[in-house]
Amino acid sequence: MAGRRKGRDAASRRKRAEKAVDHLASLIDGSNSSNQTLGDSAARDLLRTTKRHGVRAPAELRSKICRTCQQTLVPGRNARVRIESRVRKTTCLDCGRVIRTKLTVEGE
């Protein structure tokens, strides 16, 4: 007689994935200045978790991770940031990927 497995339903998996994403996000935010390899491995795990479980990472964190080489982007160390025509261009200096983000002006 086959029984139902515990802990395999989609809701609990999604909640565990959201908790993991929050934990990895805190690791990435705290590792920018201290340990680059910790931030890179956390970024790689975060991208893997979000793709597997369909959980979105916070928007401010998505702009800090290069999706090509899966590393944290730290301006001055491995990223270049330029602003022109209300568009912020972040270039990964390891792989060359350019991330463009529209900037909004307050009051418009």
Protein backbone atom coordinates (compact mmCIF):
# COMPACT_ATOMS: atom_id res chain seq x y z
CA MET A 1 0.00 0.00 0.00
CA ALA A 2 1.60 3.16 -1.17
CA GLY A 3 1.52 6.06 1.25
CA ARG A 4 1.89 9.71 0.59
CA ARG A 5 5.36 11.16 1.04
CA LYS A 6 5.73 13.90 3.59
CA GLY A 7 7.23 17.23 2.65
CA ARG A 8 6.88 16.84 -1.09
CA ASP A 9 3.96 19.16 -1.80
CA ALA A 10 4.51 22.25 -3.92
CA ALA A 11 3.58 24.81 -1.28
CA SER A 12 6.17 23.64 1.22
CA ARG A 13 8.84 23.40 -1.48
CA ARG A 14 8.09 26.96 -2.56
CA LYS A 15 8.29 28.25 1.02
CA ARG A 16 11.63 26.49 1.55
CA ALA A 17 12.90 27.95 -1.73
CA GLU A 18 11.83 31.47 -0.68
CA LYS A 19 13.63 31.06 2.64
CA ALA A 20 16.74 29.86 0.80
CA VAL A 21 16.61 32.84 -1.58
CA ASP A 22 16.33 35.25 1.36
CA HIS A 23 19.30 33.61 3.08
CA LEU A 24 21.43 33.66 -0.08
CA ALA A 25 20.47 37.30 -0.69
CA SER A 26 21.71 38.23 2.76
CA LEU A 27 24.97 36.40 2.07
CA ILE A 28 25.45 38.28 -1.20
CA ASP A 29 24.76 41.66 0.42
CA GLY A 30 27.17 40.96 3.26
CA SER A 31 29.98 39.51 1.16
CA ASN A 32 30.54 42.38 -1.29
CA SER A 33 33.42 43.85 0.64
CA SER A 34 34.76 40.89 2.61
CA ASN A 35 34.78 37.65 0.64
CA GLN A 36 34.28 37.60 -3.13
CA THR A 37 34.23 33.80 -3.46
CA LEU A 38 31.44 33.49 -0.88
CA GLY A 39 29.36 36.01 -2.82
CA ASP A 40 30.02 34.25 -6.12
CA SER A 41 28.99 30.83 -4.81
CA ALA A 42 25.89 32.34 -3.18
CA ALA A 43 24.99 34.04 -6.49
CA ARG A 44 25.39 30.77 -8.38
CA ASP A 45 23.22 28.92 -5.84
CA LEU A 46 20.61 31.70 -5.88
CA LEU A 47 20.27 31.58 -9.67
CA ARG A 48 20.01 27.80 -9.58
CA THR A 49 17.34 27.86 -6.86
CA THR A 50 15.23 30.53 -8.53
CA LYS A 51 15.27 28.71 -11.86
CA ARG A 52 14.44 25.33 -10.35
CA HIS A 53 11.59 26.44 -8.09
CA GLY A 54 10.15 29.42 -9.98
CA VAL A 55 10.83 31.88 -7.16
CA ARG A 56 11.90 35.38 -8.17
CA ALA A 57 14.87 37.07 -6.57
CA PRO A 58 14.42 40.65 -5.33
CA ALA A 59 14.80 43.25 -8.09
CA GLU A 60 17.67 45.11 -6.43
CA LEU A 61 19.56 41.84 -6.13
CA ARG A 62 19.02 40.80 -9.75
CA SER A 63 21.02 43.80 -10.92
CA LYS A 64 23.96 42.73 -8.71
CA ILE A 65 24.42 39.31 -10.35
CA CYS A 66 25.78 38.59 -13.83
CA ARG A 67 23.58 35.90 -15.36
CA THR A 68 26.26 34.82 -17.84
CA CYS A 69 29.22 34.11 -15.57
CA GLN A 70 27.06 33.84 -12.40
CA GLN A 71 29.16 36.17 -10.25
CA THR A 72 28.31 39.07 -8.02
CA LEU A 73 28.89 42.43 -9.66
CA VAL A 74 30.90 44.81 -7.49
CA PRO A 75 31.49 48.22 -9.09
CA GLY A 76 35.19 48.98 -9.23
CA ARG A 77 36.23 45.36 -8.78
CA ASN A 78 34.59 43.38 -11.58
CA ALA A 79 31.89 45.74 -12.91
CA ARG A 80 31.76 49.11 -14.62
CA VAL A 81 28.72 51.36 -14.18
CA ARG A 82 27.89 54.14 -16.63
CA ILE A 83 24.82 56.37 -16.74
CA GLU A 84 23.70 58.00 -19.99
CA SER A 85 20.31 59.13 -21.23
CA ARG A 86 18.48 57.88 -18.12
CA VAL A 87 19.86 54.36 -18.62
CA ARG A 88 22.26 52.73 -16.17
CA LYS A 89 24.63 50.36 -17.96
CA THR A 90 26.44 47.83 -15.78
CA THR A 91 29.17 45.94 -17.63
CA CYS A 92 30.63 42.73 -16.23
CA LEU A 93 34.39 42.98 -16.68
CA ASP A 94 34.80 39.18 -16.56
CA CYS A 95 32.51 38.16 -19.43
CA GLY A 96 31.49 41.50 -21.02
CA ARG A 97 27.73 41.22 -20.50
CA VAL A 98 25.93 44.58 -20.35
CA ILE A 99 22.90 45.00 -18.07
CA ARG A 100 20.74 48.03 -18.95
CA THR A 101 18.31 49.48 -16.43
CA LYS A 102 15.97 52.42 -17.04
CA LEU A 103 16.24 55.12 -14.42
CA THR A 104 13.22 57.14 -13.36
CA VAL A 105 13.30 60.80 -12.39
CA GLU A 106 11.23 61.82 -9.39
CA GLY A 107 8.49 64.32 -10.18
CA GLU A 108 7.77 63.11 -13.71
